[in-house]
N, C-alpha and C. Protein backbone atom coordinates (compact mmCIF):
# COMPACT_ATOMS: atom_id res chain seq x y z
N MET A 1 68.32 92.74 94.20
CA MET A 1 68.11 92.06 92.95
C MET A 1 68.67 92.93 91.83
N GLU A 2 69.34 92.35 90.86
CA GLU A 2 69.92 93.09 89.76
C GLU A 2 68.89 93.37 88.70
N ARG A 3 68.93 94.60 88.16
CA ARG A 3 68.05 94.95 87.05
C ARG A 3 68.84 94.79 85.77
N SER A 4 68.16 94.39 84.74
CA SER A 4 68.85 94.17 83.48
C SER A 4 68.98 95.48 82.70
N TYR A 5 69.88 95.47 81.75
CA TYR A 5 70.10 96.63 80.88
C TYR A 5 68.83 96.95 80.11
N ALA A 6 68.11 95.91 79.64
CA ALA A 6 66.88 96.13 78.89
C ALA A 6 65.82 96.82 79.76
N THR A 7 65.73 96.44 81.01
CA THR A 7 64.76 97.05 81.93
C THR A 7 65.11 98.51 82.16
N ASP A 8 66.41 98.79 82.37
CA ASP A 8 66.83 100.18 82.56
C ASP A 8 66.55 101.02 81.32
N THR A 9 66.82 100.46 80.16
CA THR A 9 66.59 101.18 78.90
C THR A 9 65.10 101.46 78.71
N ALA A 10 64.27 100.43 78.95
CA ALA A 10 62.83 100.61 78.79
C ALA A 10 62.30 101.65 79.78
N SER A 11 62.78 101.60 81.02
CA SER A 11 62.34 102.57 82.03
C SER A 11 62.73 103.98 81.63
N SER A 12 63.95 104.15 81.13
CA SER A 12 64.41 105.47 80.69
C SER A 12 63.57 105.97 79.51
N PHE A 13 63.26 105.09 78.60
CA PHE A 13 62.45 105.46 77.44
C PHE A 13 61.06 105.91 77.87
N ILE A 14 60.44 105.15 78.76
CA ILE A 14 59.10 105.49 79.24
C ILE A 14 59.12 106.81 80.00
N LEU A 15 60.10 106.99 80.87
CA LEU A 15 60.21 108.24 81.64
C LEU A 15 60.41 109.42 80.71
N GLY A 16 61.27 109.26 79.70
CA GLY A 16 61.49 110.33 78.73
C GLY A 16 60.22 110.67 77.96
N GLY A 17 59.46 109.63 77.61
CA GLY A 17 58.19 109.85 76.91
C GLY A 17 57.19 110.61 77.77
N LEU A 18 57.13 110.26 79.06
CA LEU A 18 56.20 110.95 79.96
C LEU A 18 56.60 112.42 80.15
N VAL A 19 57.90 112.66 80.31
CA VAL A 19 58.36 114.04 80.47
C VAL A 19 58.06 114.83 79.19
N GLY A 20 58.35 114.24 78.04
CA GLY A 20 58.07 114.90 76.76
C GLY A 20 56.59 115.19 76.58
N ALA A 21 55.75 114.23 76.95
CA ALA A 21 54.31 114.44 76.83
C ALA A 21 53.85 115.56 77.77
N GLY A 22 54.41 115.58 78.97
CA GLY A 22 54.06 116.64 79.91
C GLY A 22 54.45 118.01 79.41
N LEU A 23 55.64 118.11 78.85
CA LEU A 23 56.08 119.40 78.31
C LEU A 23 55.23 119.81 77.11
N ALA A 24 54.88 118.84 76.28
CA ALA A 24 54.03 119.15 75.12
C ALA A 24 52.68 119.68 75.58
N LEU A 25 52.15 119.09 76.64
CA LEU A 25 50.86 119.57 77.16
C LEU A 25 50.98 120.99 77.72
N LEU A 26 52.08 121.24 78.43
CA LEU A 26 52.24 122.56 79.04
C LEU A 26 52.42 123.67 78.00
N PHE A 27 53.02 123.37 76.90
CA PHE A 27 53.27 124.38 75.89
C PHE A 27 52.26 124.35 74.74
N ALA A 28 51.24 123.52 74.86
CA ALA A 28 50.22 123.44 73.81
C ALA A 28 49.31 124.67 73.89
N PRO A 29 48.85 125.15 72.75
CA PRO A 29 47.97 126.32 72.75
C PRO A 29 46.52 125.92 73.09
N ARG A 30 46.24 125.80 74.36
CA ARG A 30 44.89 125.44 74.82
C ARG A 30 44.47 126.39 75.93
N ALA A 31 43.20 126.37 76.19
CA ALA A 31 42.68 127.17 77.31
C ALA A 31 43.12 126.52 78.62
N GLY A 32 43.28 127.32 79.66
CA GLY A 32 43.74 126.82 80.95
C GLY A 32 42.90 125.69 81.50
N SER A 33 41.58 125.84 81.51
CA SER A 33 40.73 124.79 82.07
C SER A 33 40.80 123.52 81.23
N GLU A 34 40.86 123.69 79.92
CA GLU A 34 40.96 122.54 79.04
C GLU A 34 42.29 121.81 79.27
N LEU A 35 43.35 122.57 79.42
CA LEU A 35 44.67 121.99 79.64
C LEU A 35 44.72 121.26 80.99
N ARG A 36 44.16 121.88 82.03
CA ARG A 36 44.14 121.23 83.35
C ARG A 36 43.35 119.94 83.30
N SER A 37 42.24 119.94 82.61
CA SER A 37 41.44 118.73 82.46
C SER A 37 42.23 117.64 81.74
N LEU A 38 42.91 118.01 80.68
CA LEU A 38 43.70 117.06 79.91
C LEU A 38 44.85 116.51 80.74
N ILE A 39 45.52 117.39 81.48
CA ILE A 39 46.62 116.94 82.34
C ILE A 39 46.09 115.96 83.39
N GLY A 40 44.96 116.29 84.01
CA GLY A 40 44.37 115.40 85.01
C GLY A 40 44.05 114.03 84.42
N THR A 41 43.49 114.03 83.21
CA THR A 41 43.16 112.76 82.56
C THR A 41 44.42 111.95 82.30
N LYS A 42 45.45 112.59 81.79
CA LYS A 42 46.70 111.90 81.48
C LYS A 42 47.38 111.39 82.75
N VAL A 43 47.33 112.16 83.82
CA VAL A 43 47.92 111.72 85.08
C VAL A 43 47.19 110.48 85.60
N ARG A 44 45.86 110.50 85.53
CA ARG A 44 45.09 109.33 85.97
C ARG A 44 45.40 108.10 85.11
N GLU A 45 45.52 108.31 83.79
CA GLU A 45 45.86 107.21 82.90
C GLU A 45 47.25 106.67 83.23
N GLY A 46 48.19 107.56 83.48
CA GLY A 46 49.55 107.14 83.83
C GLY A 46 49.59 106.38 85.15
N ALA A 47 48.83 106.86 86.12
CA ALA A 47 48.78 106.19 87.42
C ALA A 47 48.17 104.80 87.28
N SER A 48 47.11 104.71 86.47
CA SER A 48 46.47 103.43 86.24
C SER A 48 47.44 102.46 85.57
N ARG A 49 48.15 102.95 84.57
CA ARG A 49 49.14 102.12 83.87
C ARG A 49 50.25 101.70 84.82
N GLY A 50 50.68 102.60 85.67
CA GLY A 50 51.71 102.28 86.66
C GLY A 50 51.26 101.20 87.62
N ARG A 51 50.01 101.29 88.08
CA ARG A 51 49.48 100.25 88.97
C ARG A 51 49.43 98.90 88.24
N GLU A 52 49.00 98.94 86.99
CA GLU A 52 48.91 97.71 86.20
C GLU A 52 50.29 97.07 86.04
N LEU A 53 51.28 97.87 85.71
CA LEU A 53 52.64 97.35 85.57
C LEU A 53 53.17 96.83 86.91
N GLY A 54 52.85 97.53 87.99
CA GLY A 54 53.27 97.08 89.32
C GLY A 54 52.64 95.76 89.70
N GLU A 55 51.36 95.60 89.38
CA GLU A 55 50.68 94.33 89.67
C GLU A 55 51.28 93.19 88.85
N ARG A 56 51.59 93.47 87.57
CA ARG A 56 52.21 92.44 86.73
C ARG A 56 53.58 92.05 87.28
N ALA A 57 54.35 93.05 87.70
CA ALA A 57 55.68 92.78 88.24
C ALA A 57 55.57 91.97 89.54
N ALA A 58 54.61 92.30 90.38
CA ALA A 58 54.42 91.56 91.63
C ALA A 58 54.02 90.12 91.34
N GLN A 59 53.14 89.92 90.37
CA GLN A 59 52.71 88.56 90.02
C GLN A 59 53.90 87.76 89.49
N LYS A 60 54.70 88.38 88.64
CA LYS A 60 55.87 87.68 88.10
C LYS A 60 56.84 87.34 89.23
N SER A 61 57.00 88.25 90.18
CA SER A 61 57.88 87.98 91.32
C SER A 61 57.37 86.81 92.14
N ARG A 62 56.06 86.78 92.37
CA ARG A 62 55.48 85.65 93.12
C ARG A 62 55.70 84.34 92.38
N THR A 63 55.55 84.37 91.06
CA THR A 63 55.76 83.16 90.26
C THR A 63 57.21 82.70 90.36
N LEU A 64 58.15 83.64 90.26
CA LEU A 64 59.56 83.29 90.35
C LEU A 64 59.90 82.73 91.73
N ILE A 65 59.33 83.32 92.77
CA ILE A 65 59.59 82.83 94.13
C ILE A 65 59.02 81.42 94.29
N ASP A 66 57.82 81.18 93.79
CA ASP A 66 57.22 79.84 93.87
C ASP A 66 58.07 78.83 93.11
N ASP A 67 58.54 79.20 91.92
CA ASP A 67 59.39 78.30 91.14
C ASP A 67 60.69 77.99 91.89
N ALA A 68 61.26 79.00 92.52
CA ALA A 68 62.49 78.79 93.28
C ALA A 68 62.24 77.87 94.47
N ARG A 69 61.11 78.04 95.14
CA ARG A 69 60.78 77.17 96.27
C ARG A 69 60.63 75.72 95.82
N HIS A 70 59.94 75.52 94.69
CA HIS A 70 59.78 74.16 94.18
C HIS A 70 61.13 73.55 93.83
N GLY A 71 62.00 74.35 93.23
CA GLY A 71 63.34 73.88 92.89
C GLY A 71 64.13 73.51 94.13
N LEU A 72 64.04 74.33 95.18
CA LEU A 72 64.73 74.03 96.43
C LEU A 72 64.18 72.77 97.08
N ASP A 73 62.85 72.63 97.06
CA ASP A 73 62.25 71.42 97.62
C ASP A 73 62.74 70.18 96.89
N TRP A 74 62.80 70.27 95.56
CA TRP A 74 63.25 69.14 94.75
C TRP A 74 64.71 68.81 95.09
N GLN A 75 65.56 69.83 95.20
CA GLN A 75 66.96 69.59 95.55
C GLN A 75 67.09 69.01 96.96
N LYS A 76 66.25 69.48 97.87
CA LYS A 76 66.28 68.97 99.24
C LYS A 76 65.91 67.48 99.26
N GLU A 77 64.89 67.11 98.47
CA GLU A 77 64.49 65.70 98.40
C GLU A 77 65.62 64.85 97.83
N ARG A 78 66.29 65.36 96.79
CA ARG A 78 67.40 64.62 96.20
C ARG A 78 68.54 64.45 97.20
N LEU A 79 68.84 65.51 97.95
CA LEU A 79 69.90 65.44 98.95
C LEU A 79 69.54 64.44 100.05
N ASN A 80 68.30 64.50 100.53
CA ASN A 80 67.87 63.56 101.56
C ASN A 80 67.93 62.12 101.07
N ALA A 81 67.54 61.90 99.80
CA ALA A 81 67.62 60.55 99.23
C ALA A 81 69.07 60.09 99.15
N ALA A 82 69.96 60.98 98.76
CA ALA A 82 71.38 60.62 98.67
C ALA A 82 71.95 60.31 100.04
N VAL A 83 71.60 61.11 101.04
CA VAL A 83 72.08 60.87 102.41
C VAL A 83 71.55 59.53 102.91
N GLU A 84 70.29 59.25 102.66
CA GLU A 84 69.69 57.99 103.11
C GLU A 84 70.35 56.80 102.40
N ALA A 85 70.62 56.94 101.11
CA ALA A 85 71.30 55.87 100.37
C ALA A 85 72.70 55.66 100.94
N GLY A 86 73.37 56.74 101.29
CA GLY A 86 74.70 56.62 101.91
C GLY A 86 74.63 55.91 103.25
N ARG A 87 73.66 56.22 104.05
CA ARG A 87 73.48 55.56 105.35
C ARG A 87 73.23 54.07 105.16
N GLU A 88 72.34 53.76 104.23
CA GLU A 88 72.03 52.35 103.98
C GLU A 88 73.28 51.60 103.51
N ALA A 89 74.06 52.22 102.62
CA ALA A 89 75.28 51.58 102.14
C ALA A 89 76.27 51.40 103.28
N TYR A 90 76.36 52.38 104.15
CA TYR A 90 77.26 52.28 105.30
C TYR A 90 76.83 51.14 106.22
N HIS A 91 75.53 51.07 106.51
CA HIS A 91 75.04 50.00 107.42
C HIS A 91 75.20 48.63 106.78
N GLU A 92 75.01 48.53 105.48
CA GLU A 92 75.19 47.23 104.79
C GLU A 92 76.67 46.81 104.83
N GLU A 93 77.55 47.77 104.62
CA GLU A 93 78.98 47.48 104.62
C GLU A 93 79.45 47.12 106.03
N LYS A 94 78.87 47.78 107.01
CA LYS A 94 79.27 47.56 108.40
C LYS A 94 78.81 46.19 108.90
N SER A 95 77.65 45.72 108.43
CA SER A 95 77.12 44.44 108.94
C SER A 95 77.52 43.28 108.09
């Protein structure tokens, strides 16, 4: 599946923000235990946000797949109706 330019740009922006935030935490003037606690909190928040985004992406994918299936079913019905109309026209012309 192709990713859009906007998706790549947003992903790069988010990744850059996370790296910048991590570096800011590492170079911040804090006590070691306080810094480790803060890093742990931020990592958990990031993981939670990542899961949330993953769930949203999965839901959107399921919706797109369902929409595509409905579209294919509709096209299949139209094709079957056209084939049946052709058969009927052929049998009427033949008899």
